[in-house]
Amino acid sequence: MPQTHPCPTTPARSAAASTPRQLTLEERLTLIDAAMTVHLDDAKVAFDVNTAHIETGSVDLADVITVPVDAEPAPLPDLYPTPVAALLQRAHHRLLTGGWCKDALIDENGSRCMLGSLRTEAGGDRDLEADAAALLLDTIRRDFGDDVDSVPSFNDAWADGRIPVRMVDQAAHLADARGL
């Protein structure tokens, strides 16, 4: 005869017990990490197999590293024939390669502000530096108005060097156009 009530020796299954539980974010990330590890291991083996026939020689670091790491960057050749334009172009290059800073001519990392890069690249020629700084201030005032007091105040007003560095580059173009 068929049994019509649950047997006391087998537990009753509830509807909640039959549905799978939701995985937590951590559990899902762990599963994805394991799956990606398997895929990356397979890709590495496939790469090794596919490139096994290619002969590679050893690399001598002396062939790769040709200058000391702490050496100054090579000077950029002057792109402009006039002295003020060439100075501004060198100052722009120095800002790009050596870094930009604010609130100091040169910071502890060797980065320079706009005026600090001009002073360094002028090499002690104060007249040339003054001409370049005056043209730089003129360039800044063309874009930002006559209320800009000085090059250092403009430089220190920015959180990053994108605009100040661009202004030095624009000043170099202006100096070249004016034949300075």
N, C-alpha and C. Protein backbone atom coordinates (compact mmCIF):
# COMPACT_ATOMS: atom_id res chain seq x y z
N MET A 1 0.83 -1.17 0.00
CA MET A 1 0.00 0.00 0.00
C MET A 1 0.88 1.24 0.00
N PRO A 2 0.61 2.30 -0.85
CA PRO A 2 1.44 3.48 -0.91
C PRO A 2 1.29 4.31 0.36
N GLN A 3 2.38 4.94 0.68
CA GLN A 3 2.43 5.75 1.88
C GLN A 3 1.87 7.14 1.57
N THR A 4 0.98 7.66 2.41
CA THR A 4 0.34 8.94 2.16
C THR A 4 0.83 10.03 3.08
N HIS A 5 1.57 9.70 4.09
CA HIS A 5 2.13 10.72 4.98
C HIS A 5 3.63 10.56 5.03
N PRO A 6 4.34 11.61 5.39
CA PRO A 6 5.80 11.52 5.38
C PRO A 6 6.29 10.49 6.37
N CYS A 7 7.33 9.85 5.96
CA CYS A 7 7.94 8.83 6.81
C CYS A 7 8.72 9.53 7.93
N PRO A 8 8.60 9.08 9.17
CA PRO A 8 9.31 9.76 10.25
C PRO A 8 10.82 9.64 10.16
N THR A 9 11.36 8.74 9.38
CA THR A 9 12.80 8.58 9.29
C THR A 9 13.43 9.46 8.21
N THR A 10 12.68 10.04 7.26
CA THR A 10 13.21 10.92 6.24
C THR A 10 12.75 12.34 6.52
N PRO A 11 13.67 13.28 6.43
CA PRO A 11 13.28 14.65 6.71
C PRO A 11 12.42 15.21 5.59
N ALA A 12 11.51 16.07 5.95
CA ALA A 12 10.65 16.72 4.96
C ALA A 12 11.43 17.83 4.27
N ARG A 13 11.26 17.97 2.98
CA ARG A 13 11.96 19.01 2.21
C ARG A 13 11.05 20.22 2.10
N SER A 14 11.57 21.33 2.50
CA SER A 14 10.77 22.55 2.39
C SER A 14 11.07 23.21 1.04
N ALA A 15 10.24 24.16 0.66
CA ALA A 15 10.43 24.87 -0.61
C ALA A 15 11.69 25.74 -0.54
N ALA A 16 12.00 26.26 0.63
CA ALA A 16 13.18 27.11 0.78
C ALA A 16 14.46 26.31 0.66
N ALA A 17 14.43 25.07 1.10
CA ALA A 17 15.63 24.24 1.03
C ALA A 17 15.93 23.79 -0.39
N SER A 18 14.95 23.74 -1.26
CA SER A 18 15.17 23.26 -2.62
C SER A 18 15.71 24.35 -3.55
N THR A 19 15.55 25.63 -3.20
CA THR A 19 16.06 26.70 -4.06
C THR A 19 17.51 26.99 -3.68
N PRO A 20 18.36 27.23 -4.67
CA PRO A 20 19.77 27.51 -4.34
C PRO A 20 19.89 28.90 -3.70
N ARG A 21 20.86 29.03 -2.80
CA ARG A 21 21.05 30.31 -2.12
C ARG A 21 21.86 31.24 -3.01
N GLN A 22 21.69 32.53 -2.82
CA GLN A 22 22.45 33.54 -3.56
C GLN A 22 23.89 33.56 -3.05
N LEU A 23 24.83 33.65 -3.98
CA LEU A 23 26.23 33.78 -3.59
C LEU A 23 26.52 35.21 -3.17
N THR A 24 27.39 35.36 -2.19
CA THR A 24 27.80 36.69 -1.78
C THR A 24 28.78 37.24 -2.81
N LEU A 25 29.03 38.52 -2.72
CA LEU A 25 29.98 39.15 -3.63
C LEU A 25 31.36 38.51 -3.51
N GLU A 26 31.80 38.26 -2.30
CA GLU A 26 33.11 37.65 -2.09
C GLU A 26 33.18 36.26 -2.72
N GLU A 27 32.11 35.48 -2.58
CA GLU A 27 32.10 34.14 -3.18
C GLU A 27 32.13 34.21 -4.70
N ARG A 28 31.37 35.15 -5.27
CA ARG A 28 31.38 35.30 -6.73
C ARG A 28 32.75 35.74 -7.23
N LEU A 29 33.39 36.69 -6.51
CA LEU A 29 34.72 37.14 -6.91
C LEU A 29 35.74 36.02 -6.81
N THR A 30 35.62 35.19 -5.79
CA THR A 30 36.52 34.05 -5.65
C THR A 30 36.36 33.08 -6.81
N LEU A 31 35.13 32.82 -7.21
CA LEU A 31 34.89 31.92 -8.36
C LEU A 31 35.42 32.52 -9.65
N ILE A 32 35.21 33.81 -9.85
CA ILE A 32 35.71 34.47 -11.06
C ILE A 32 37.23 34.46 -11.07
N ASP A 33 37.85 34.70 -9.91
CA ASP A 33 39.31 34.67 -9.81
C ASP A 33 39.85 33.29 -10.17
N ALA A 34 39.20 32.25 -9.68
CA ALA A 34 39.65 30.89 -10.00
C ALA A 34 39.49 30.61 -11.49
N ALA A 35 38.38 31.05 -12.07
CA ALA A 35 38.17 30.83 -13.51
C ALA A 35 39.19 31.60 -14.34
N MET A 36 39.49 32.84 -13.98
CA MET A 36 40.48 33.62 -14.71
C MET A 36 41.87 33.02 -14.58
N THR A 37 42.19 32.50 -13.41
CA THR A 37 43.50 31.87 -13.22
C THR A 37 43.65 30.68 -14.16
N VAL A 38 42.59 29.90 -14.29
CA VAL A 38 42.63 28.76 -15.21
C VAL A 38 42.81 29.25 -16.65
N HIS A 39 42.07 30.29 -17.05
CA HIS A 39 42.19 30.83 -18.40
C HIS A 39 43.60 31.38 -18.65
N LEU A 40 44.16 32.10 -17.69
CA LEU A 40 45.50 32.65 -17.86
C LEU A 40 46.56 31.56 -17.93
N ASP A 41 46.40 30.52 -17.13
CA ASP A 41 47.34 29.39 -17.20
C ASP A 41 47.26 28.71 -18.57
N ASP A 42 46.05 28.53 -19.09
CA ASP A 42 45.89 27.95 -20.42
C ASP A 42 46.52 28.85 -21.49
N ALA A 43 46.34 30.15 -21.37
CA ALA A 43 46.91 31.08 -22.34
C ALA A 43 48.43 31.05 -22.28
N LYS A 44 48.99 30.94 -21.09
CA LYS A 44 50.45 30.88 -20.96
C LYS A 44 51.00 29.63 -21.62
N VAL A 45 50.35 28.51 -21.40
CA VAL A 45 50.80 27.27 -22.04
C VAL A 45 50.68 27.39 -23.55
N ALA A 46 49.58 27.94 -24.04
CA ALA A 46 49.39 28.11 -25.48
C ALA A 46 50.45 29.03 -26.05
N PHE A 47 50.77 30.12 -25.36
CA PHE A 47 51.81 31.03 -25.82
C PHE A 47 53.16 30.33 -25.87
N ASP A 48 53.49 29.59 -24.82
CA ASP A 48 54.77 28.87 -24.79
C ASP A 48 54.86 27.87 -25.93
N VAL A 49 53.78 27.17 -26.22
CA VAL A 49 53.77 26.19 -27.30
C VAL A 49 53.90 26.90 -28.65
N ASN A 50 53.16 27.98 -28.83
CA ASN A 50 53.15 28.68 -30.12
C ASN A 50 54.45 29.43 -30.40
N THR A 51 55.22 29.75 -29.40
CA THR A 51 56.45 30.50 -29.61
C THR A 51 57.70 29.69 -29.31
N ALA A 52 57.55 28.42 -29.11
CA ALA A 52 58.71 27.58 -28.75
C ALA A 52 59.72 27.51 -29.89
N HIS A 53 59.31 27.65 -31.11
CA HIS A 53 60.22 27.55 -32.25
C HIS A 53 61.03 28.82 -32.48
N ILE A 54 60.67 29.94 -31.82
CA ILE A 54 61.37 31.21 -32.02
C ILE A 54 62.60 31.25 -31.14
N GLU A 55 63.75 31.47 -31.77
CA GLU A 55 64.98 31.54 -31.00
C GLU A 55 65.15 32.94 -30.42
N THR A 56 65.49 33.00 -29.16
CA THR A 56 65.74 34.28 -28.51
C THR A 56 67.12 34.24 -27.88
N GLY A 57 67.80 35.34 -28.02
CA GLY A 57 69.11 35.46 -27.40
C GLY A 57 68.98 36.12 -26.04
N SER A 58 70.04 36.05 -25.29
CA SER A 58 69.99 36.70 -23.98
C SER A 58 70.14 38.21 -24.16
N VAL A 59 69.59 38.95 -23.23
CA VAL A 59 69.64 40.40 -23.27
C VAL A 59 70.67 40.88 -22.26
N ASP A 60 71.61 41.68 -22.75
CA ASP A 60 72.60 42.28 -21.86
C ASP A 60 72.09 43.67 -21.49
N LEU A 61 71.95 43.94 -20.19
CA LEU A 61 71.42 45.22 -19.76
C LEU A 61 72.29 46.39 -20.20
N ALA A 62 73.55 46.14 -20.41
CA ALA A 62 74.42 47.22 -20.89
C ALA A 62 74.01 47.68 -22.29
N ASP A 63 73.40 46.80 -23.06
CA ASP A 63 72.90 47.18 -24.38
C ASP A 63 71.61 47.99 -24.29
N VAL A 64 70.88 47.81 -23.22
CA VAL A 64 69.59 48.47 -23.07
C VAL A 64 69.74 49.81 -22.35
N ILE A 65 70.46 49.83 -21.24
CA ILE A 65 70.64 51.04 -20.45
C ILE A 65 71.93 51.70 -20.89
N THR A 66 71.79 52.89 -21.47
CA THR A 66 72.97 53.53 -22.04
C THR A 66 73.42 54.76 -21.26
N VAL A 67 72.58 55.27 -20.34
CA VAL A 67 72.95 56.43 -19.53
C VAL A 67 72.64 56.13 -18.08
N PRO A 68 73.30 56.79 -17.17
CA PRO A 68 72.93 56.61 -15.76
C PRO A 68 71.50 57.10 -15.52
N VAL A 69 70.82 56.46 -14.60
CA VAL A 69 69.43 56.78 -14.35
C VAL A 69 69.28 58.20 -13.81
N ASP A 70 70.22 58.66 -12.99
CA ASP A 70 70.08 59.98 -12.39
C ASP A 70 70.71 61.10 -13.22
N ALA A 71 71.06 60.82 -14.45
CA ALA A 71 71.69 61.83 -15.31
C ALA A 71 70.65 62.83 -15.79
N GLU A 72 71.08 64.05 -16.06
CA GLU A 72 70.22 65.08 -16.63
C GLU A 72 69.81 64.66 -18.04
N PRO A 73 68.59 65.00 -18.45
CA PRO A 73 68.20 64.68 -19.83
C PRO A 73 69.06 65.46 -20.82
N ALA A 74 69.24 64.87 -21.98
CA ALA A 74 70.03 65.54 -23.01
C ALA A 74 69.36 66.85 -23.40
N PRO A 75 70.13 67.89 -23.61
CA PRO A 75 69.50 69.16 -23.98
C PRO A 75 68.82 69.06 -25.33
N LEU A 76 67.70 69.70 -25.40
CA LEU A 76 66.93 69.71 -26.64
C LEU A 76 67.53 70.75 -27.58
N PRO A 77 67.74 70.41 -28.83
CA PRO A 77 68.26 71.43 -29.75
C PRO A 77 67.24 72.55 -29.91
N ASP A 78 67.72 73.76 -30.05
CA ASP A 78 66.83 74.91 -30.19
C ASP A 78 66.04 74.80 -31.49
N LEU A 79 64.73 74.85 -31.36
CA LEU A 79 63.87 74.81 -32.53
C LEU A 79 63.64 76.20 -33.10
N TYR A 80 63.89 77.22 -32.26
CA TYR A 80 63.66 78.60 -32.68
C TYR A 80 64.99 79.31 -32.84
N PRO A 81 65.12 80.15 -33.85
CA PRO A 81 66.40 80.83 -34.07
C PRO A 81 66.61 82.05 -33.17
N THR A 82 65.55 82.55 -32.54
CA THR A 82 65.68 83.76 -31.72
C THR A 82 65.90 83.38 -30.26
N PRO A 83 66.62 84.19 -29.50
CA PRO A 83 67.03 83.80 -28.15
C PRO A 83 65.87 83.63 -27.15
N VAL A 84 64.89 84.53 -27.15
CA VAL A 84 63.79 84.43 -26.18
C VAL A 84 62.92 83.21 -26.50
N ALA A 85 62.61 83.01 -27.78
CA ALA A 85 61.81 81.86 -28.17
C ALA A 85 62.54 80.56 -27.85
N ALA A 86 63.85 80.52 -28.10
CA ALA A 86 64.63 79.32 -27.81
C ALA A 86 64.67 79.05 -26.30
N LEU A 87 64.80 80.12 -25.49
CA LEU A 87 64.80 79.95 -24.03
C LEU A 87 63.47 79.41 -23.55
N LEU A 88 62.38 79.96 -24.05
CA LEU A 88 61.06 79.49 -23.65
C LEU A 88 60.83 78.04 -24.09
N GLN A 89 61.33 77.69 -25.25
CA GLN A 89 61.19 76.32 -25.72
C GLN A 89 61.99 75.37 -24.84
N ARG A 90 63.20 75.75 -24.42
CA ARG A 90 63.99 74.91 -23.51
C ARG A 90 63.34 74.81 -22.14
N ALA A 91 62.76 75.92 -21.66
CA ALA A 91 62.07 75.90 -20.37
C ALA A 91 60.85 74.98 -20.43
N HIS A 92 60.14 75.02 -21.54
CA HIS A 92 58.99 74.12 -21.74
C HIS A 92 59.45 72.66 -21.70
N HIS A 93 60.53 72.37 -22.40
CA HIS A 93 61.06 71.00 -22.41
C HIS A 93 61.49 70.57 -21.01
N ARG A 94 62.11 71.47 -20.27
CA ARG A 94 62.53 71.15 -18.90
C ARG A 94 61.32 70.84 -18.02
N LEU A 95 60.25 71.61 -18.16
CA LEU A 95 59.04 71.34 -17.39
C LEU A 95 58.44 69.98 -17.73
N LEU A 96 58.48 69.63 -19.01
CA LEU A 96 57.95 68.34 -19.42
C LEU A 96 58.78 67.18 -18.91
N THR A 97 60.09 67.31 -18.98
CA THR A 97 60.96 66.19 -18.61
C THR A 97 61.34 66.18 -17.14
N GLY A 98 61.50 67.36 -16.54
CA GLY A 98 61.94 67.41 -15.14
C GLY A 98 60.83 67.55 -14.14
N GLY A 99 59.63 67.90 -14.60
CA GLY A 99 58.49 68.04 -13.71
C GLY A 99 58.18 69.49 -13.38
N TRP A 100 56.95 69.72 -13.00
CA TRP A 100 56.44 71.03 -12.65
C TRP A 100 56.14 71.06 -11.16
N CYS A 101 56.34 72.20 -10.52
CA CYS A 101 55.98 72.35 -9.12
C CYS A 101 55.38 73.72 -8.89
N LYS A 102 54.85 73.95 -7.71
CA LYS A 102 54.33 75.25 -7.33
C LYS A 102 54.88 75.61 -5.97
N ASP A 103 54.80 76.88 -5.63
CA ASP A 103 55.24 77.41 -4.33
C ASP A 103 56.74 77.34 -4.11
N ALA A 104 57.52 77.08 -5.14
CA ALA A 104 58.99 77.08 -5.03
C ALA A 104 59.57 77.15 -6.43
N LEU A 105 60.77 77.75 -6.55
CA LEU A 105 61.44 77.74 -7.85
C LEU A 105 61.83 76.32 -8.24
N ILE A 106 62.39 75.60 -7.27
CA ILE A 106 62.78 74.19 -7.46
C ILE A 106 62.38 73.46 -6.19
N ASP A 107 61.63 72.36 -6.31
CA ASP A 107 61.27 71.61 -5.12
C ASP A 107 62.30 70.53 -4.80
N GLU A 108 62.06 69.77 -3.75
CA GLU A 108 63.03 68.76 -3.30
C GLU A 108 63.21 67.62 -4.31
N ASN A 109 62.27 67.45 -5.24
CA ASN A 109 62.39 66.41 -6.26
C ASN A 109 63.08 66.91 -7.52
N GLY A 110 63.41 68.20 -7.57
CA GLY A 110 64.05 68.77 -8.75
C GLY A 110 63.07 69.34 -9.76
N SER A 111 61.77 69.27 -9.46
CA SER A 111 60.77 69.87 -10.34
C SER A 111 60.87 71.39 -10.22
N ARG A 112 60.46 72.08 -11.28
CA ARG A 112 60.58 73.53 -11.31
C ARG A 112 59.24 74.18 -11.62
N CYS A 113 59.11 75.42 -11.16
CA CYS A 113 57.95 76.21 -11.55
C CYS A 113 58.28 76.88 -12.89
N MET A 114 57.35 77.66 -13.40
CA MET A 114 57.56 78.32 -14.69
C MET A 114 58.79 79.22 -14.65
N LEU A 115 58.88 80.05 -13.63
CA LEU A 115 60.02 80.96 -13.51
C LEU A 115 61.31 80.21 -13.20
N GLY A 116 61.22 79.14 -12.42
CA GLY A 116 62.40 78.33 -12.11
C GLY A 116 62.98 77.66 -13.34
N SER A 117 62.11 77.22 -14.25
CA SER A 117 62.62 76.61 -15.49
C SER A 117 63.26 77.67 -16.38
N LEU A 118 62.69 78.88 -16.41
CA LEU A 118 63.31 79.96 -17.18
C LEU A 118 64.69 80.31 -16.62
N ARG A 119 64.76 80.44 -15.30
CA ARG A 119 66.02 80.81 -14.67
C ARG A 119 67.10 79.76 -14.92
N THR A 120 66.72 78.49 -14.82
CA THR A 120 67.70 77.41 -15.05
C THR A 120 68.19 77.42 -16.49
N GLU A 121 67.26 77.55 -17.42
CA GLU A 121 67.63 77.49 -18.84
C GLU A 121 68.33 78.76 -19.32
N ALA A 122 68.11 79.88 -18.64
CA ALA A 122 68.78 81.12 -19.03
C ALA A 122 70.26 81.07 -18.70
N GLY A 123 70.66 80.21 -17.81
CA GLY A 123 72.09 80.04 -17.50
C GLY A 123 72.74 81.29 -16.93
N GLY A 124 72.01 82.09 -16.16
CA GLY A 124 72.59 83.29 -15.55
C GLY A 124 72.41 84.56 -16.35
N ASP A 125 71.88 84.48 -17.55
CA ASP A 125 71.64 85.68 -18.35
C ASP A 125 70.33 86.31 -17.88
N ARG A 126 70.44 87.26 -16.93
CA ARG A 126 69.25 87.86 -16.31
C ARG A 126 68.44 88.69 -17.29
N ASP A 127 69.08 89.32 -18.25
CA ASP A 127 68.34 90.11 -19.24
C ASP A 127 67.46 89.20 -20.10
N LEU A 128 68.05 88.10 -20.56
CA LEU A 128 67.29 87.15 -21.37
C LEU A 128 66.15 86.56 -20.55
N GLU A 129 66.43 86.22 -19.30
CA GLU A 129 65.39 85.69 -18.41
C GLU A 129 64.26 86.69 -18.21
N ALA A 130 64.60 87.97 -18.00
CA ALA A 130 63.59 89.01 -17.80
C ALA A 130 62.73 89.20 -19.06
N ASP A 131 63.37 89.17 -20.23
CA ASP A 131 62.61 89.30 -21.48
C ASP A 131 61.64 88.14 -21.65
N ALA A 132 62.11 86.93 -21.35
CA ALA A 132 61.26 85.75 -21.49
C ALA A 132 60.12 85.78 -20.48
N ALA A 133 60.40 86.19 -19.23
CA ALA A 133 59.36 86.28 -18.21
C ALA A 133 58.31 87.33 -18.58
N ALA A 134 58.74 88.46 -19.13
CA ALA A 134 57.80 89.50 -19.55
C ALA A 134 56.90 89.01 -20.68
N LEU A 135 57.48 88.31 -21.63
CA LEU A 135 56.68 87.76 -22.72
C LEU A 135 55.74 86.67 -22.21
N LEU A 136 56.20 85.87 -21.27
CA LEU A 136 55.36 84.83 -20.69
C LEU A 136 54.17 85.45 -19.96
N LEU A 137 54.41 86.52 -19.21
CA LEU A 137 53.31 87.20 -18.53
C LEU A 137 52.34 87.80 -19.55
N ASP A 138 52.84 88.34 -20.64
CA ASP A 138 51.99 88.87 -21.69
C ASP A 138 51.13 87.76 -22.29
N THR A 139 51.71 86.59 -22.50
CA THR A 139 50.97 85.44 -23.04
C THR A 139 49.88 85.00 -22.08
N ILE A 140 50.21 84.96 -20.79
CA ILE A 140 49.22 84.57 -19.78
C ILE A 140 48.07 85.56 -19.75
N ARG A 141 48.40 86.85 -19.78
CA ARG A 141 47.35 87.88 -19.72
C ARG A 141 46.47 87.87 -20.96
N ARG A 142 46.99 87.44 -22.10
CA ARG A 142 46.16 87.34 -23.31
C ARG A 142 45.03 86.34 -23.11
N ASP A 143 45.33 85.24 -22.41
CA ASP A 143 44.31 84.19 -22.21
C ASP A 143 43.52 84.35 -20.92
N PHE A 144 44.12 84.90 -19.87
CA PHE A 144 43.49 84.91 -18.56
C PHE A 144 43.17 86.31 -18.03
N GLY A 145 43.44 87.34 -18.79
CA GLY A 145 43.08 88.69 -18.40
C GLY A 145 44.20 89.44 -17.70
N ASP A 146 44.01 90.75 -17.61
CA ASP A 146 45.04 91.63 -17.05
C ASP A 146 45.12 91.57 -15.53
N ASP A 147 44.23 90.85 -14.88
CA ASP A 147 44.28 90.79 -13.42
C ASP A 147 45.33 89.80 -12.90
N VAL A 148 46.02 89.09 -13.79
CA VAL A 148 47.12 88.20 -13.38
C VAL A 148 48.30 89.09 -13.00
N ASP A 149 48.74 88.98 -11.74
CA ASP A 149 49.78 89.87 -11.21
C ASP A 149 51.17 89.53 -11.73
N SER A 150 51.51 88.24 -11.70
CA SER A 150 52.88 87.85 -12.05
C SER A 150 52.89 86.40 -12.51
N VAL A 151 54.02 86.00 -13.07
CA VAL A 151 54.19 84.61 -13.49
C VAL A 151 54.14 83.67 -12.28
N PRO A 152 54.86 83.98 -11.16
CA PRO A 152 54.78 83.08 -10.01
C PRO A 152 53.37 82.94 -9.43
N SER A 153 52.61 84.03 -9.36
CA SER A 153 51.25 83.93 -8.82
C SER A 153 50.36 83.09 -9.73
N PHE A 154 50.55 83.22 -11.05
CA PHE A 154 49.80 82.40 -11.99
C PHE A 154 50.19 80.93 -11.82
N ASN A 155 51.48 80.66 -11.72
CA ASN A 155 51.97 79.29 -11.57
C ASN A 155 51.40 78.64 -10.32
N ASP A 156 51.41 79.38 -9.20
CA ASP A 156 50.99 78.81 -7.92
C ASP A 156 49.49 78.68 -7.79
N ALA A 157 48.73 79.21 -8.72
CA ALA A 157 47.27 79.13 -8.65
C ALA A 157 46.73 77.79 -9.16
N TRP A 158 47.58 76.97 -9.73
CA TRP A 158 47.12 75.72 -10.35
C TRP A 158 47.47 74.52 -9.49
N ALA A 159 46.58 73.51 -9.53
CA ALA A 159 46.82 72.28 -8.78
C ALA A 159 47.75 71.33 -9.54
N ASP A 160 47.72 71.39 -10.85
CA ASP A 160 48.64 70.59 -11.66
C ASP A 160 49.27 71.49 -12.72
N GLY A 161 50.29 70.98 -13.38
CA GLY A 161 51.07 71.81 -14.29
C GLY A 161 50.61 71.86 -15.72
N ARG A 162 49.48 71.28 -16.03
CA ARG A 162 49.04 71.21 -17.42
C ARG A 162 48.92 72.59 -18.06
N ILE A 163 48.21 73.51 -17.42
CA ILE A 163 48.01 74.84 -17.98
C ILE A 163 49.31 75.66 -17.94
N PRO A 164 50.04 75.70 -16.81
CA PRO A 164 51.29 76.47 -16.82
C PRO A 164 52.28 76.00 -17.88
N VAL A 165 52.42 74.70 -18.05
CA VAL A 165 53.35 74.18 -19.07
C VAL A 165 52.88 74.57 -20.46
N ARG A 166 51.58 74.50 -20.68
CA ARG A 166 51.05 74.90 -21.99
C ARG A 166 51.30 76.38 -22.26
N MET A 167 51.21 77.21 -21.23
CA MET A 167 51.43 78.64 -21.42
C MET A 167 52.88 78.93 -21.79
N VAL A 168 53.83 78.18 -21.24
CA VAL A 168 55.24 78.37 -21.62
C VAL A 168 55.42 78.02 -23.10
N ASP A 169 54.76 76.97 -23.53
CA ASP A 169 54.85 76.58 -24.94
C ASP A 169 54.23 77.66 -25.84
N GLN A 170 53.09 78.19 -25.44
CA GLN A 170 52.45 79.26 -26.23
C GLN A 170 53.33 80.51 -26.26
N ALA A 171 54.00 80.79 -25.15
CA ALA A 171 54.90 81.96 -25.12
C ALA A 171 56.05 81.77 -26.09
N ALA A 172 56.56 80.53 -26.21
CA ALA A 172 57.63 80.26 -27.17
C ALA A 172 57.15 80.52 -28.60
N HIS A 173 55.94 80.11 -28.91
CA HIS A 173 55.39 80.35 -30.24
C HIS A 173 55.22 81.85 -30.50
N LEU A 174 54.74 82.56 -29.48
CA LEU A 174 54.55 84.01 -29.60
C LEU A 174 55.89 84.73 -29.79
N ALA A 175 56.89 84.32 -29.03
CA ALA A 175 58.22 84.93 -29.16
C ALA A 175 58.78 84.70 -30.55
N ASP A 176 58.57 83.50 -31.08
CA ASP A 176 59.03 83.21 -32.43
C ASP A 176 58.29 84.08 -33.45
N ALA A 177 56.99 84.23 -33.27
CA ALA A 177 56.21 85.04 -34.20
C ALA A 177 56.63 86.50 -34.16
N ARG A 178 57.05 86.97 -32.98
CA ARG A 178 57.50 88.36 -32.84
C ARG A 178 58.97 88.54 -33.18
N GLY A 179 59.66 87.44 -33.42
CA GLY A 179 61.09 87.53 -33.76
C GLY A 179 61.96 87.86 -32.56
N LEU A 180 61.53 87.48 -31.38
CA LEU A 180 62.29 87.77 -30.14
C LEU A 180 63.20 86.61 -29.76
